[in-house]
Amino acid sequence: FHLKIKKIPKPDIQRRVAEAAKLLDLEDYLDRKPAKLSGG
């Protein structure tokens, strides 16, 4: 979201989001809403 607000190019946003998701083991949850996630 904050990258979008800063008007970062969409390909760069997707790349950085994917990298963060991989680091945090969130790759399988990228399409979920927060209500469907555990606290951790």
Full PDB file with SEQRES, HELIX, SHEET, SSBOND, CRYST1, ORIGX, SCALE, CONECT and MASTER records, all heavy atoms in Angstrom:
SEQRES   1 A   40  PHE HIS LEU LYS ILE LYS LYS ILE PRO LYS PRO ASP ILE          
SEQRES   2 A   40  GLN ARG ARG VAL ALA GLU ALA ALA LYS LEU LEU ASP LEU          
SEQRES   3 A   40  GLU ASP TYR LEU ASP ARG LYS PRO ALA LYS LEU SER GLY          
SEQRES   4 A   40  GLY                                                          
HELIX    1 AA1 HIS A    2  ILE A    5  1                                   4    
HELIX    2 AA2 LYS A   10  LEU A   23  1                                  14    
HELIX    3 AA3 GLU A   27  TYR A   29  5                                   3    
HELIX    4 AA4 PRO A   34  LYS A   36  5                                   3    
CRYST1    1.000    1.000    1.000  90.00  90.00  90.00 P 1           1          
ORIGX1      1.000000  0.000000  0.000000        0.00000                         
ORIGX2      0.000000  1.000000  0.000000        0.00000                         
ORIGX3      0.000000  0.000000  1.000000        0.00000                         
SCALE1      1.000000  0.000000  0.000000        0.00000                         
SCALE2      0.000000  1.000000  0.000000        0.00000                         
SCALE3      0.000000  0.000000  1.000000        0.00000                         
ATOM      1  N   PHE A   1       0.811  -1.216   0.000  1.00  0.00           N  
ATOM      2  CA  PHE A   1       0.000   0.000   0.000  1.00  0.00           C  
ATOM      3  C   PHE A   1       0.850   1.274   0.000  1.00  0.00           C  
ATOM      4  O   PHE A   1       0.599   2.199  -0.778  1.00  0.00           O  
ATOM      5  CB  PHE A   1      -0.940  -0.006   1.210  1.00  0.00           C  
ATOM      6  CG  PHE A   1      -1.794   1.214   1.314  1.00  0.00           C  
ATOM      7  CD1 PHE A   1      -2.853   1.416   0.434  1.00  0.00           C  
ATOM      8  CD2 PHE A   1      -1.536   2.190   2.271  1.00  0.00           C  
ATOM      9  CE1 PHE A   1      -3.640   2.554   0.515  1.00  0.00           C  
ATOM     10  CE2 PHE A   1      -2.316   3.332   2.363  1.00  0.00           C  
ATOM     11  CZ  PHE A   1      -3.371   3.504   1.479  1.00  0.00           C  
ATOM     12  N   HIS A   2       1.849   1.331   0.858  1.00  0.00           N  
ATOM     13  CA  HIS A   2       2.655   2.548   0.945  1.00  0.00           C  
ATOM     14  C   HIS A   2       3.462   2.777  -0.334  1.00  0.00           C  
ATOM     15  O   HIS A   2       3.727   3.923  -0.703  1.00  0.00           O  
ATOM     16  CB  HIS A   2       3.575   2.483   2.162  1.00  0.00           C  
ATOM     17  CG  HIS A   2       2.850   2.589   3.462  1.00  0.00           C  
ATOM     18  ND1 HIS A   2       2.314   3.770   3.920  1.00  0.00           N  
ATOM     19  CD2 HIS A   2       2.546   1.658   4.402  1.00  0.00           C  
ATOM     20  CE1 HIS A   2       1.718   3.565   5.094  1.00  0.00           C  
ATOM     21  NE2 HIS A   2       1.848   2.291   5.402  1.00  0.00           N  
ATOM     22  N   LEU A   3       3.835   1.712  -0.995  1.00  0.00           N  
ATOM     23  CA  LEU A   3       4.543   1.870  -2.267  1.00  0.00           C  
ATOM     24  C   LEU A   3       3.609   2.445  -3.327  1.00  0.00           C  
ATOM     25  O   LEU A   3       4.013   3.270  -4.159  1.00  0.00           O  
ATOM     26  CB  LEU A   3       5.102   0.518  -2.724  1.00  0.00           C  
ATOM     27  CG  LEU A   3       6.072  -0.181  -1.762  1.00  0.00           C  
ATOM     28  CD1 LEU A   3       6.548  -1.495  -2.366  1.00  0.00           C  
ATOM     29  CD2 LEU A   3       7.250   0.727  -1.427  1.00  0.00           C  
ATOM     30  N   LYS A   4       2.353   2.009  -3.271  1.00  0.00           N  
ATOM     31  CA  LYS A   4       1.366   2.532  -4.222  1.00  0.00           C  
ATOM     32  C   LYS A   4       1.150   4.024  -3.992  1.00  0.00           C  
ATOM     33  O   LYS A   4       1.042   4.809  -4.949  1.00  0.00           O  
ATOM     34  CB  LYS A   4       0.058   1.761  -4.065  1.00  0.00           C  
ATOM     35  CG  LYS A   4      -1.024   2.179  -5.050  1.00  0.00           C  
ATOM     36  CD  LYS A   4      -2.289   1.337  -4.846  1.00  0.00           C  
ATOM     37  CE  LYS A   4      -3.390   1.776  -5.803  1.00  0.00           C  
ATOM     38  NZ  LYS A   4      -4.627   0.973  -5.594  1.00  0.00           N  
ATOM     39  N   ILE A   5       1.081   4.427  -2.716  1.00  0.00           N  
ATOM     40  CA  ILE A   5       0.892   5.835  -2.377  1.00  0.00           C  
ATOM     41  C   ILE A   5       2.060   6.677  -2.902  1.00  0.00           C  
ATOM     42  O   ILE A   5       1.883   7.815  -3.344  1.00  0.00           O  
ATOM     43  CB  ILE A   5       0.758   6.007  -0.845  1.00  0.00           C  
ATOM     44  CG1 ILE A   5      -0.535   5.363  -0.357  1.00  0.00           C  
ATOM     45  CG2 ILE A   5       0.805   7.478  -0.450  1.00  0.00           C  
ATOM     46  CD1 ILE A   5      -1.791   5.979  -0.901  1.00  0.00           C  
ATOM     47  N   LYS A   6       3.252   6.098  -2.864  1.00  0.00           N  
ATOM     48  CA  LYS A   6       4.442   6.811  -3.349  1.00  0.00           C  
ATOM     49  C   LYS A   6       4.570   6.768  -4.869  1.00  0.00           C  
ATOM     50  O   LYS A   6       5.543   7.267  -5.422  1.00  0.00           O  
ATOM     51  CB  LYS A   6       5.704   6.206  -2.715  1.00  0.00           C  
ATOM     52  CG  LYS A   6       5.871   6.533  -1.244  1.00  0.00           C  
ATOM     53  CD  LYS A   6       7.216   6.018  -0.752  1.00  0.00           C  
ATOM     54  CE  LYS A   6       7.471   6.461   0.672  1.00  0.00           C  
ATOM     55  NZ  LYS A   6       8.806   6.002   1.151  1.00  0.00           N  
ATOM     56  N   LYS A   7       3.587   6.118  -5.505  1.00  0.00           N  
ATOM     57  CA  LYS A   7       3.562   6.012  -6.965  1.00  0.00           C  
ATOM     58  C   LYS A   7       4.786   5.269  -7.513  1.00  0.00           C  
ATOM     59  O   LYS A   7       5.324   5.619  -8.571  1.00  0.00           O  
ATOM     60  CB  LYS A   7       3.452   7.404  -7.609  1.00  0.00           C  
ATOM     61  CG  LYS A   7       2.206   8.185  -7.170  1.00  0.00           C  
ATOM     62  CD  LYS A   7       2.028   9.434  -7.982  1.00  0.00           C  
ATOM     63  CE  LYS A   7       0.853  10.278  -7.505  1.00  0.00           C  
ATOM     64  NZ  LYS A   7      -0.398   9.528  -7.333  1.00  0.00           N  
ATOM     65  N   ILE A   8       5.180   4.233  -6.789  1.00  0.00           N  
ATOM     66  CA  ILE A   8       6.230   3.343  -7.285  1.00  0.00           C  
ATOM     67  C   ILE A   8       5.648   2.559  -8.465  1.00  0.00           C  
ATOM     68  O   ILE A   8       4.485   2.135  -8.431  1.00  0.00           O  
ATOM     69  CB  ILE A   8       6.690   2.373  -6.173  1.00  0.00           C  
ATOM     70  CG1 ILE A   8       7.202   3.161  -4.964  1.00  0.00           C  
ATOM     71  CG2 ILE A   8       7.757   1.413  -6.677  1.00  0.00           C  
ATOM     72  CD1 ILE A   8       8.425   3.965  -5.202  1.00  0.00           C  
ATOM     73  N   PRO A   9       6.415   2.348  -9.535  1.00  0.00           N  
ATOM     74  CA  PRO A   9       5.901   1.580 -10.681  1.00  0.00           C  
ATOM     75  C   PRO A   9       5.364   0.213 -10.254  1.00  0.00           C  
ATOM     76  O   PRO A   9       5.938  -0.447  -9.384  1.00  0.00           O  
ATOM     77  CB  PRO A   9       7.124   1.445 -11.586  1.00  0.00           C  
ATOM     78  CG  PRO A   9       7.968   2.632 -11.252  1.00  0.00           C  
ATOM     79  CD  PRO A   9       7.772   2.874  -9.790  1.00  0.00           C  
ATOM     80  N   LYS A  10       4.259  -0.189 -10.871  1.00  0.00           N  
ATOM     81  CA  LYS A  10       3.591  -1.426 -10.477  1.00  0.00           C  
ATOM     82  C   LYS A  10       4.503  -2.648 -10.533  1.00  0.00           C  
ATOM     83  O   LYS A  10       4.464  -3.479  -9.607  1.00  0.00           O  
ATOM     84  CB  LYS A  10       2.367  -1.640 -11.372  1.00  0.00           C  
ATOM     85  CG  LYS A  10       1.461  -2.756 -10.883  1.00  0.00           C  
ATOM     86  CD  LYS A  10       0.159  -2.789 -11.685  1.00  0.00           C  
ATOM     87  CE  LYS A  10      -0.763  -3.873 -11.161  1.00  0.00           C  
ATOM     88  NZ  LYS A  10      -2.042  -3.919 -11.918  1.00  0.00           N  
ATOM     89  N   PRO A  11       5.351  -2.829 -11.573  1.00  0.00           N  
ATOM     90  CA  PRO A  11       6.254  -3.990 -11.579  1.00  0.00           C  
ATOM     91  C   PRO A  11       7.190  -4.010 -10.369  1.00  0.00           C  
ATOM     92  O   PRO A  11       7.482  -5.080  -9.820  1.00  0.00           O  
ATOM     93  CB  PRO A  11       7.026  -3.831 -12.885  1.00  0.00           C  
ATOM     94  CG  PRO A  11       6.126  -3.018 -13.754  1.00  0.00           C  
ATOM     95  CD  PRO A  11       5.447  -2.065 -12.839  1.00  0.00           C  
ATOM     96  N   ASP A  12       7.654  -2.825  -9.931  1.00  0.00           N  
ATOM     97  CA  ASP A  12       8.534  -2.756  -8.767  1.00  0.00           C  
ATOM     98  C   ASP A  12       7.783  -3.116  -7.493  1.00  0.00           C  
ATOM     99  O   ASP A  12       8.320  -3.789  -6.602  1.00  0.00           O  
ATOM    100  CB  ASP A  12       9.127  -1.353  -8.634  1.00  0.00           C  
ATOM    101  CG  ASP A  12      10.180  -1.059  -9.698  1.00  0.00           C  
ATOM    102  OD1 ASP A  12      10.681  -2.029 -10.312  1.00  0.00           O  
ATOM    103  OD2 ASP A  12      10.490   0.125  -9.921  1.00  0.00           O  
ATOM    104  N   ILE A  13       6.529  -2.675  -7.409  1.00  0.00           N  
ATOM    105  CA  ILE A  13       5.710  -3.031  -6.245  1.00  0.00           C  
ATOM    106  C   ILE A  13       5.522  -4.536  -6.168  1.00  0.00           C  
ATOM    107  O   ILE A  13       5.709  -5.159  -5.112  1.00  0.00           O  
ATOM    108  CB  ILE A  13       4.338  -2.329  -6.296  1.00  0.00           C  
ATOM    109  CG1 ILE A  13       4.506  -0.817  -6.173  1.00  0.00           C  
ATOM    110  CG2 ILE A  13       3.416  -2.865  -5.191  1.00  0.00           C  
ATOM    111  CD1 ILE A  13       3.202  -0.047  -6.290  1.00  0.00           C  
ATOM    112  N   GLN A  14       5.170  -5.145  -7.284  1.00  0.00           N  
ATOM    113  CA  GLN A  14       4.951  -6.594  -7.310  1.00  0.00           C  
ATOM    114  C   GLN A  14       6.218  -7.348  -6.923  1.00  0.00           C  
ATOM    115  O   GLN A  14       6.166  -8.345  -6.186  1.00  0.00           O  
ATOM    116  CB  GLN A  14       4.477  -7.014  -8.695  1.00  0.00           C  
ATOM    117  CG  GLN A  14       3.083  -6.492  -9.051  1.00  0.00           C  
ATOM    118  CD  GLN A  14       2.699  -6.785 -10.496  1.00  0.00           C  
ATOM    119  OE1 GLN A  14       3.563  -6.986 -11.361  1.00  0.00           O  
ATOM    120  NE2 GLN A  14       1.394  -6.796 -10.766  1.00  0.00           N  
ATOM    121  N   ARG A  15       7.365  -6.871  -7.411  1.00  0.00           N  
ATOM    122  CA  ARG A  15       8.631  -7.538  -7.097  1.00  0.00           C  
ATOM    123  C   ARG A  15       8.944  -7.442  -5.608  1.00  0.00           C  
ATOM    124  O   ARG A  15       9.282  -8.446  -4.966  1.00  0.00           O  
ATOM    125  CB  ARG A  15       9.768  -6.909  -7.908  1.00  0.00           C  
ATOM    126  CG  ARG A  15      11.168  -7.436  -7.536  1.00  0.00           C  
ATOM    127  CD  ARG A  15      12.253  -6.723  -8.315  1.00  0.00           C  
ATOM    128  NE  ARG A  15      12.223  -5.283  -8.110  1.00  0.00           N  
ATOM    129  CZ  ARG A  15      12.732  -4.673  -7.040  1.00  0.00           C  
ATOM    130  NH1 ARG A  15      13.283  -5.395  -6.055  1.00  0.00           N  
ATOM    131  NH2 ARG A  15      12.680  -3.352  -6.925  1.00  0.00           N  
ATOM    132  N   ARG A  16       8.806  -6.244  -5.044  1.00  0.00           N  
ATOM    133  CA  ARG A  16       9.142  -6.054  -3.638  1.00  0.00           C  
ATOM    134  C   ARG A  16       8.159  -6.763  -2.710  1.00  0.00           C  
ATOM    135  O   ARG A  16       8.536  -7.299  -1.654  1.00  0.00           O  
ATOM    136  CB  ARG A  16       9.229  -4.555  -3.326  1.00  0.00           C  
ATOM    137  CG  ARG A  16      10.502  -3.952  -3.901  1.00  0.00           C  
ATOM    138  CD  ARG A  16      10.459  -2.447  -4.096  1.00  0.00           C  
ATOM    139  NE  ARG A  16      10.464  -1.693  -2.848  1.00  0.00           N  
ATOM    140  CZ  ARG A  16      10.644  -0.372  -2.798  1.00  0.00           C  
ATOM    141  NH1 ARG A  16      10.826   0.324  -3.927  1.00  0.00           N  
ATOM    142  NH2 ARG A  16      10.640   0.260  -1.641  1.00  0.00           N  
ATOM    143  N   VAL A  17       6.893  -6.796  -3.097  1.00  0.00           N  
ATOM    144  CA  VAL A  17       5.899  -7.542  -2.317  1.00  0.00           C  
ATOM    145  C   VAL A  17       6.213  -9.038  -2.357  1.00  0.00           C  
ATOM    146  O   VAL A  17       6.155  -9.728  -1.326  1.00  0.00           O  
ATOM    147  CB  VAL A  17       4.476  -7.271  -2.838  1.00  0.00           C  
ATOM    148  CG1 VAL A  17       3.475  -8.264  -2.219  1.00  0.00           C  
ATOM    149  CG2 VAL A  17       4.053  -5.844  -2.515  1.00  0.00           C  
ATOM    150  N   ALA A  18       6.579  -9.548  -3.519  1.00  0.00           N  
ATOM    151  CA  ALA A  18       6.911 -10.967  -3.645  1.00  0.00           C  
ATOM    152  C   ALA A  18       8.140 -11.318  -2.819  1.00  0.00           C  
ATOM    153  O   ALA A  18       8.193 -12.383  -2.173  1.00  0.00           O  
ATOM    154  CB  ALA A  18       7.138 -11.317  -5.115  1.00  0.00           C  
ATOM    155  N   GLU A  19       9.126 -10.439  -2.827  1.00  0.00           N  
ATOM    156  CA  GLU A  19      10.340 -10.693  -2.043  1.00  0.00           C  
ATOM    157  C   GLU A  19      10.037 -10.710  -0.545  1.00  0.00           C  
ATOM    158  O   GLU A  19      10.520 -11.575   0.190  1.00  0.00           O  
ATOM    159  CB  GLU A  19      11.391  -9.621  -2.357  1.00  0.00           C  
ATOM    160  CG  GLU A  19      11.990  -9.728  -3.752  1.00  0.00           C  
ATOM    161  CD  GLU A  19      12.902  -8.558  -4.079  1.00  0.00           C  
ATOM    162  OE1 GLU A  19      12.946  -7.597  -3.273  1.00  0.00           O  
ATOM    163  OE2 GLU A  19      13.578  -8.602  -5.133  1.00  0.00           O  
ATOM    164  N   ALA A  20       9.221  -9.766  -0.094  1.00  0.00           N  
ATOM    165  CA  ALA A  20       8.861  -9.715   1.322  1.00  0.00           C  
ATOM    166  C   ALA A  20       8.034 -10.932   1.718  1.00  0.00           C  
ATOM    167  O   ALA A  20       8.230 -11.513   2.791  1.00  0.00           O  
ATOM    168  CB  ALA A  20       8.086  -8.431   1.619  1.00  0.00           C  
ATOM    169  N   ALA A  21       7.108 -11.323   0.853  1.00  0.00           N  
ATOM    170  CA  ALA A  21       6.263 -12.489   1.130  1.00  0.00           C  
ATOM    171  C   ALA A  21       7.106 -13.761   1.242  1.00  0.00           C  
ATOM    172  O   ALA A  21       6.835 -14.614   2.094  1.00  0.00           O  
ATOM    173  CB  ALA A  21       5.216 -12.646   0.038  1.00  0.00           C  
ATOM    174  N   LYS A  22       8.128 -13.867   0.409  1.00  0.00           N  
ATOM    175  CA  LYS A  22       9.005 -15.036   0.476  1.00  0.00           C  
ATOM    176  C   LYS A  22       9.786 -15.047   1.779  1.00  0.00           C  
ATOM    177  O   LYS A  22       9.924 -16.089   2.435  1.00  0.00           O  
ATOM    178  CB  LYS A  22       9.953 -15.039  -0.724  1.00  0.00           C  
ATOM    179  CG  LYS A  22      10.831 -16.281  -0.798  1.00  0.00           C  
ATOM    180  CD  LYS A  22      11.669 -16.278  -2.073  1.00  0.00           C  
ATOM    181  CE  LYS A  22      12.507 -17.556  -2.156  1.00  0.00           C  
ATOM    182  NZ  LYS A  22      13.337 -17.577  -3.390  1.00  0.00           N  
ATOM    183  N   LEU A  23      10.303 -13.876   2.168  1.00  0.00           N  
ATOM    184  CA  LEU A  23      11.050 -13.777   3.425  1.00  0.00           C  
ATOM    185  C   LEU A  23      10.194 -14.181   4.621  1.00  0.00           C  
ATOM    186  O   LEU A  23      10.673 -14.810   5.560  1.00  0.00           O  
ATOM    187  CB  LEU A  23      11.531 -12.339   3.633  1.00  0.00           C  
ATOM    188  CG  LEU A  23      12.817 -11.881   2.955  1.00  0.00           C  
ATOM    189  CD1 LEU A  23      13.017 -10.392   3.182  1.00  0.00           C  
ATOM    190  CD2 LEU A  23      14.013 -12.665   3.493  1.00  0.00           C  
ATOM    191  N   LEU A  24       8.915 -13.817   4.570  1.00  0.00           N  
ATOM    192  CA  LEU A  24       8.017 -13.987   5.715  1.00  0.00           C  
ATOM    193  C   LEU A  24       7.117 -15.210   5.598  1.00  0.00           C  
ATOM    194  O   LEU A  24       6.210 -15.389   6.422  1.00  0.00           O  
ATOM    195  CB  LEU A  24       7.161 -12.734   5.879  1.00  0.00           C  
ATOM    196  CG  LEU A  24       7.946 -11.467   6.208  1.00  0.00           C  
ATOM    197  CD1 LEU A  24       7.092 -10.229   5.978  1.00  0.00           C  
ATOM    198  CD2 LEU A  24       8.430 -11.508   7.644  1.00  0.00           C  
ATOM    199  N   ASP A  25       7.363 -16.023   4.580  1.00  0.00           N  
ATOM    200  CA  ASP A  25       6.560 -17.236   4.374  1.00  0.00           C  
ATOM    201  C   ASP A  25       5.072 -16.895   4.244  1.00  0.00           C  
ATOM    202  O   ASP A  25       4.209 -17.536   4.852  1.00  0.00           O  
ATOM    203  CB  ASP A  25       6.787 -18.217   5.533  1.00  0.00           C  
ATOM    204  CG  ASP A  25       6.284 -19.623   5.206  1.00  0.00           C  
ATOM    205  OD1 ASP A  25       6.180 -19.945   4.002  1.00  0.00           O  
ATOM    206  OD2 ASP A  25       5.988 -20.385   6.142  1.00  0.00           O  
ATOM    207  N   LEU A  26       4.787 -15.885   3.415  1.00  0.00           N  
ATOM    208  CA  LEU A  26       3.408 -15.455   3.185  1.00  0.00           C  
ATOM    209  C   LEU A  26       2.969 -15.656   1.743  1.00  0.00           C  
ATOM    210  O   LEU A  26       1.920 -15.159   1.334  1.00  0.00           O  
ATOM    211  CB  LEU A  26       3.254 -13.971   3.548  1.00  0.00           C  
ATOM    212  CG  LEU A  26       3.332 -13.605   5.030  1.00  0.00           C  
ATOM    213  CD1 LEU A  26       3.393 -12.092   5.199  1.00  0.00           C  
ATOM    214  CD2 LEU A  26       2.153 -14.187   5.802  1.00  0.00           C  
ATOM    215  N   GLU A  27       3.755 -16.381   0.974  1.00  0.00           N  
ATOM    216  CA  GLU A  27       3.467 -16.518  -0.462  1.00  0.00           C  
ATOM    217  C   GLU A  27       2.111 -17.157  -0.729  1.00  0.00           C  
ATOM    218  O   GLU A  27       1.467 -16.846  -1.730  1.00  0.00           O  
ATOM    219  CB  GLU A  27       4.580 -17.330  -1.132  1.00  0.00           C  
ATOM    220  CG  GLU A  27       5.922 -16.606  -1.156  1.00  0.00           C  
ATOM    221  CD  GLU A  27       7.038 -17.476  -1.704  1.00  0.00           C  
ATOM    222  OE1 GLU A  27       7.387 -18.464  -1.011  1.00  0.00           O  
ATOM    223  OE2 GLU A  27       7.542 -17.193  -2.797  1.00  0.00           O  
ATOM    224  N   ASP A  28       1.660 -18.043   0.166  1.00  0.00           N  
ATOM    225  CA  ASP A  28       0.389 -18.731  -0.049  1.00  0.00           C  
ATOM    226  C   ASP A  28      -0.808 -17.925   0.434  1.00  0.00           C  
ATOM    227  O   ASP A  28      -1.948 -18.377   0.308  1.00  0.00           O  
ATOM    228  CB  ASP A  28       0.406 -20.087   0.674  1.00  0.00           C  
ATOM    229  CG  ASP A  28       1.427 -21.043   0.081  1.00  0.00           C  
ATOM    230  OD1 ASP A  28       1.770 -20.876  -1.106  1.00  0.00           O  
ATOM    231  OD2 ASP A  28       1.895 -21.941   0.810  1.00  0.00           O  
ATOM    232  N   TYR A  29      -0.550 -16.737   0.999  1.00  0.00           N  
ATOM    233  CA  TYR A  29      -1.640 -15.966   1.612  1.00  0.00           C  
ATOM    234  C   TYR A  29      -1.835 -14.604   0.955  1.00  0.00           C  
ATOM    235  O   TYR A  29      -2.615 -13.790   1.454  1.00  0.00           O  
ATOM    236  CB  TYR A  29      -1.355 -15.766   3.107  1.00  0.00           C  
ATOM    237  CG  TYR A  29      -1.092 -17.041   3.849  1.00  0.00           C  
ATOM    238  CD1 TYR A  29       0.210 -17.469   4.112  1.00  0.00           C  
ATOM    239  CD2 TYR A  29      -2.135 -17.847   4.286  1.00  0.00           C  
ATOM    240  CE1 TYR A  29       0.461 -18.646   4.783  1.00  0.00           C  
ATOM    241  CE2 TYR A  29      -1.903 -19.028   4.963  1.00  0.00           C  
ATOM    242  CZ  TYR A  29      -0.594 -19.424   5.210  1.00  0.00           C  
ATOM    243  OH  TYR A  29      -0.358 -20.587   5.870  1.00  0.00           O  
ATOM    244  N   LEU A  30      -1.174 -14.337  -0.149  1.00  0.00           N  
ATOM    245  CA  LEU A  30      -1.194 -13.005  -0.739  1.00  0.00           C  
ATOM    246  C   LEU A  30      -2.584 -12.557  -1.188  1.00  0.00           C  
ATOM    247  O   LEU A  30      -2.873 -11.359  -1.222  1.00  0.00           O  
ATOM    248  CB  LEU A  30      -0.220 -12.936  -1.924  1.00  0.00           C  
ATOM    249  CG  LEU A  30       1.266 -12.971  -1.546  1.00  0.00           C  
ATOM    250  CD1 LEU A  30       2.141 -13.035  -2.792  1.00  0.00           C  
ATOM    251  CD2 LEU A  30       1.634 -11.755  -0.710  1.00  0.00           C  
ATOM    252  N   ASP A  31      -3.456 -13.501  -1.517  1.00  0.00           N  
ATOM    253  CA  ASP A  31      -4.797 -13.142  -1.989  1.00  0.00           C  
ATOM    254  C   ASP A  31      -5.843 -13.152  -0.878  1.00  0.00           C  
ATOM    255  O   ASP A  31      -7.028 -12.906  -1.135  1.00  0.00           O  
ATOM    256  CB  ASP A  31      -5.228 -14.104  -3.105  1.00  0.00           C  
ATOM    257  CG  ASP A  31      -4.369 -13.952  -4.352  1.00  0.00           C  
ATOM    258  OD1 ASP A  31      -3.931 -12.814  -4.610  1.00  0.00           O  
ATOM    259  OD2 ASP A  31      -4.127 -14.959  -5.044  1.00  0.00           O  
ATOM    260  N   ARG A  32      -5.425 -13.440   0.348  1.00  0.00           N  
ATOM    261  CA  ARG A  32      -6.383 -13.485   1.454  1.00  0.00           C  
ATOM    262  C   ARG A  32      -6.563 -12.115   2.101  1.00  0.00           C  
ATOM    263  O   ARG A  32      -5.698 -11.258   2.046  1.00  0.00           O  
ATOM    264  CB  ARG A  32      -5.919 -14.479   2.526  1.00  0.00           C  
ATOM    265  CG  ARG A  32      -5.922 -15.928   2.075  1.00  0.00           C  
ATOM    266  CD  ARG A  32      -5.743 -16.843   3.265  1.00  0.00           C  
ATOM    267  NE  ARG A  32      -5.567 -18.236   2.860  1.00  0.00           N  
ATOM    268  CZ  ARG A  32      -5.443 -19.250   3.706  1.00  0.00           C  
ATOM    269  NH1 ARG A  32      -5.480 -19.022   5.014  1.00  0.00           N  
ATOM    270  NH2 ARG A  32      -5.275 -20.481   3.260  1.00  0.00           N  
ATOM    271  N   LYS A  33      -7.721 -11.949   2.749  1.00  0.00           N  
ATOM    272  CA  LYS A  33      -7.981 -10.756   3.536  1.00  0.00           C  
ATOM    273  C   LYS A  33      -7.503 -11.001   4.981  1.00  0.00           C  
ATOM    274  O   LYS A  33      -7.433 -12.159   5.428  1.00  0.00           O  
ATOM    275  CB  LYS A  33      -9.485 -10.431   3.537  1.00  0.00           C  
ATOM    276  CG  LYS A  33     -10.077 -10.178   2.149  1.00  0.00           C  
ATOM    277  CD  LYS A  33      -9.658  -8.823   1.617  1.00  0.00           C  
ATOM    278  CE  LYS A  33     -10.279  -8.553   0.244  1.00  0.00           C  
ATOM    279  NZ  LYS A  33     -11.741  -8.424   0.297  1.00  0.00           N  
ATOM    280  N   PRO A  34      -7.193  -9.954   5.730  1.00  0.00           N  
ATOM    281  CA  PRO A  34      -6.701 -10.126   7.104  1.00  0.00           C  
ATOM    282  C   PRO A  34      -7.614 -10.969   7.992  1.00  0.00           C  
ATOM    283  O   PRO A  34      -7.135 -11.673   8.887  1.00  0.00           O  
ATOM    284  CB  PRO A  34      -6.606  -8.686   7.613  1.00  0.00           C  
ATOM    285  CG  PRO A  34      -6.337  -7.879   6.383  1.00  0.00           C  
ATOM    286  CD  PRO A  34      -7.137  -8.547   5.296  1.00  0.00           C  
ATOM    287  N   ALA A  35      -8.924 -10.891   7.780  1.00  0.00           N  
ATOM    288  CA  ALA A  35      -9.856 -11.645   8.629  1.00  0.00           C  
ATOM    289  C   ALA A  35      -9.643 -13.154   8.517  1.00  0.00           C  
ATOM    290  O   ALA A  35     -10.032 -13.909   9.421  1.00  0.00           O  
ATOM    291  CB  ALA A  35     -11.295 -11.299   8.256  1.00  0.00           C  
ATOM    292  N   LYS A  36      -9.036 -13.617   7.417  1.00  0.00           N  
ATOM    293  CA  LYS A  36      -8.814 -15.045   7.204  1.00  0.00           C  
ATOM    294  C   LYS A  36      -7.417 -15.496   7.676  1.00  0.00           C  
ATOM    295  O   LYS A  36      -6.993 -16.599   7.363  1.00  0.00           O  
ATOM    296  CB  LYS A  36      -8.967 -15.373   5.716  1.00  0.00           C  
ATOM    297  CG  LYS A  36     -10.353 -15.089   5.172  1.00  0.00           C  
ATOM    298  CD  LYS A  36     -11.398 -15.979   5.842  1.00  0.00           C  
ATOM    299  CE  LYS A  36     -12.797 -15.709   5.290  1.00  0.00           C  
ATOM    300  NZ  LYS A  36     -12.973 -16.126   3.909  1.00  0.00           N  
ATOM    301  N   LEU A  37      -6.719 -14.620   8.421  1.00  0.00           N  
ATOM    302  CA  LEU A  37      -5.361 -14.925   8.871  1.00  0.00           C  
ATOM    303  C   LEU A  37      -5.323 -15.086  10.390  1.00  0.00           C  
ATOM    304  O   LEU A  37      -6.144 -14.520  11.111  1.00  0.00           O  
ATOM    305  CB  LEU A  37      -4.395 -13.808   8.479  1.00  0.00           C  
ATOM    306  CG  LEU A  37      -4.281 -13.460   6.990  1.00  0.00           C  
ATOM    307  CD1 LEU A  37      -3.348 -12.269   6.814  1.00  0.00           C  
ATOM    308  CD2 LEU A  37      -3.785 -14.662   6.187  1.00  0.00           C  
ATOM    309  N   SER A  38      -4.339 -15.842  10.876  1.00  0.00           N  
ATOM    310  CA  SER A  38      -4.115 -15.952  12.314  1.00  0.00           C  
ATOM    311  C   SER A  38      -3.394 -14.698  12.810  1.00  0.00           C  
ATOM    312  O   SER A  38      -2.913 -13.881  12.018  1.00  0.00           O  
ATOM    313  CB  SER A  38      -3.267 -17.181  12.620  1.00  0.00           C  
ATOM    314  OG  SER A  38      -1.945 -17.010  12.105  1.00  0.00           O  
ATOM    315  N   GLY A  39      -3.291 -14.567  14.138  1.00  0.00           N  
ATOM    316  CA  GLY A  39      -2.608 -13.410  14.708  1.00  0.00           C  
ATOM    317  C   GLY A  39      -1.155 -13.331  14.267  1.00  0.00           C  
ATOM    318  O   GLY A  39      -0.653 -12.245  13.937  1.00  0.00           O  
ATOM    319  N   GLY A  40      -0.470 -14.475  14.243  1.00  0.00           N  
ATOM    320  CA  GLY A  40       0.924 -14.476  13.821  1.00  0.00           C  
ATOM    321  C   GLY A  40       1.089 -14.101  12.361  1.00  0.00           C  
ATOM    322  O   GLY A  40       2.037 -13.393  11.988  1.00  0.00           O  
TER     323      GLY A  40                                                      
MASTER        0    0    0    4    0    0    0    6  322    1    0    4          
END                                                                             
